[in-house]
Amino acid sequence: MKKSEIKIGKTYWAIVTDEKVPVRIESESPHGGWNARSIKTGRTVRIKTAARLHGEVEAKDQAEVSQ
């Protein structure tokens, strides 16, 4: 993805420790990138580059993700 495509408050697929998980972007990081929260575990993660994000979570996938 491109940096200009990332919106705060949206949920995206991200690669976190070699696993594709949904994360919600919470804010921009003062060190670059974004602060996000893993939907799967609830932990805070830092997304350093837009390349770690692999598209927005679609509405049809939202119900599956929140379980």
C-alpha atoms as a PDB file:
ATOM      1  CA  MET A   1       0.000   0.000   0.000  1.00  0.00           C
ATOM      2  CA  LYS A   2       0.949   3.644  -0.256  1.00  0.00           C
ATOM      3  CA  LYS A   3       1.322   5.998   2.678  1.00  0.00           C
ATOM      4  CA  SER A   4      -1.379   8.292   1.266  1.00  0.00           C
ATOM      5  CA  GLU A   5      -3.909   5.404   1.312  1.00  0.00           C
ATOM      6  CA  ILE A   6      -3.630   4.788   5.084  1.00  0.00           C
ATOM      7  CA  LYS A   7      -6.441   6.353   7.155  1.00  0.00           C
ATOM      8  CA  ILE A   8      -6.571   6.521  10.957  1.00  0.00           C
ATOM      9  CA  GLY A   9      -9.457   4.492  12.381  1.00  0.00           C
ATOM     10  CA  LYS A  10      -9.591   1.975   9.510  1.00  0.00           C
ATOM     11  CA  THR A  11      -8.746  -1.721   9.825  1.00  0.00           C
ATOM     12  CA  TYR A  12      -6.081  -3.238   7.558  1.00  0.00           C
ATOM     13  CA  TRP A  13      -4.401  -6.608   7.084  1.00  0.00           C
ATOM     14  CA  ALA A  14      -0.819  -6.435   8.340  1.00  0.00           C
ATOM     15  CA  ILE A  15       2.110  -8.806   8.557  1.00  0.00           C
ATOM     16  CA  VAL A  16       3.004  -9.079  12.266  1.00  0.00           C
ATOM     17  CA  THR A  17       5.606 -11.679  13.271  1.00  0.00           C
ATOM     18  CA  ASP A  18       5.194 -13.614   9.999  1.00  0.00           C
ATOM     19  CA  GLU A  19       1.408 -13.819  10.365  1.00  0.00           C
ATOM     20  CA  LYS A  20      -1.290 -11.875   8.501  1.00  0.00           C
ATOM     21  CA  VAL A  21      -3.560 -10.276  11.123  1.00  0.00           C
ATOM     22  CA  PRO A  22      -6.103  -7.439  11.145  1.00  0.00           C
ATOM     23  CA  VAL A  23      -4.950  -4.220  12.837  1.00  0.00           C
ATOM     24  CA  ARG A  24      -6.791  -0.964  13.486  1.00  0.00           C
ATOM     25  CA  ILE A  25      -4.719   2.169  12.893  1.00  0.00           C
ATOM     26  CA  GLU A  26      -5.008   4.349  16.014  1.00  0.00           C
ATOM     27  CA  SER A  27      -2.611   7.250  15.363  1.00  0.00           C
ATOM     28  CA  GLU A  28       0.511   8.383  13.578  1.00  0.00           C
ATOM     29  CA  SER A  29       3.733   7.607  15.381  1.00  0.00           C
ATOM     30  CA  PRO A  30       6.021  10.567  16.169  1.00  0.00           C
ATOM     31  CA  HIS A  31       8.902   8.311  15.066  1.00  0.00           C
ATOM     32  CA  GLY A  32       7.339   7.612  11.661  1.00  0.00           C
ATOM     33  CA  GLY A  33       4.715   5.112  10.645  1.00  0.00           C
ATOM     34  CA  TRP A  34       1.566   4.374  12.669  1.00  0.00           C
ATOM     35  CA  ASN A  35       0.487   3.044  16.041  1.00  0.00           C
ATOM     36  CA  ALA A  36      -2.046   0.258  15.618  1.00  0.00           C
ATOM     37  CA  ARG A  37      -3.880  -2.305  17.739  1.00  0.00           C
ATOM     38  CA  SER A  38      -4.094  -5.958  16.757  1.00  0.00           C
ATOM     39  CA  ILE A  39      -7.721  -7.038  16.517  1.00  0.00           C
ATOM     40  CA  LYS A  40      -6.668 -10.628  17.188  1.00  0.00           C
ATOM     41  CA  THR A  41      -4.734 -10.057  20.436  1.00  0.00           C
ATOM     42  CA  GLY A  42      -5.549  -6.492  21.505  1.00  0.00           C
ATOM     43  CA  ARG A  43      -1.857  -5.609  21.706  1.00  0.00           C
ATOM     44  CA  THR A  44      -0.406  -2.359  20.400  1.00  0.00           C
ATOM     45  CA  VAL A  45       1.919  -2.682  17.415  1.00  0.00           C
ATOM     46  CA  ARG A  46       3.923  -0.149  15.444  1.00  0.00           C
ATOM     47  CA  ILE A  47       3.595  -0.241  11.690  1.00  0.00           C
ATOM     48  CA  LYS A  48       6.816   1.331  10.419  1.00  0.00           C
ATOM     49  CA  THR A  49       6.035   1.340   6.691  1.00  0.00           C
ATOM     50  CA  ALA A  50       2.969   1.137   4.483  1.00  0.00           C
ATOM     51  CA  ALA A  51       4.527  -1.945   2.843  1.00  0.00           C
ATOM     52  CA  ARG A  52       3.575  -3.994   5.961  1.00  0.00           C
ATOM     53  CA  LEU A  53      -0.101  -3.321   5.273  1.00  0.00           C
ATOM     54  CA  HIS A  54      -1.875  -5.522   2.731  1.00  0.00           C
ATOM     55  CA  GLY A  55      -5.218  -3.898   2.059  1.00  0.00           C
ATOM     56  CA  GLU A  56      -8.222  -2.822   4.063  1.00  0.00           C
ATOM     57  CA  VAL A  57     -10.332  -5.449   5.817  1.00  0.00           C
ATOM     58  CA  GLU A  58     -13.562  -5.728   3.809  1.00  0.00           C
ATOM     59  CA  ALA A  59     -17.001  -5.439   5.414  1.00  0.00           C
ATOM     60  CA  LYS A  60     -17.723  -9.130   4.756  1.00  0.00           C
ATOM     61  CA  ASP A  61     -14.564 -10.056   6.697  1.00  0.00           C
ATOM     62  CA  GLN A  62     -15.331  -7.765   9.676  1.00  0.00           C
ATOM     63  CA  ALA A  63     -17.633 -10.287  11.381  1.00  0.00           C
ATOM     64  CA  GLU A  64     -15.075 -13.078  10.975  1.00  0.00           C
ATOM     65  CA  VAL A  65     -12.270 -10.871  12.331  1.00  0.00           C
ATOM     66  CA  SER A  66     -14.130  -9.769  15.466  1.00  0.00           C
ATOM     67  CA  GLN A  67     -14.753 -13.354  16.668  1.00  0.00           C
END
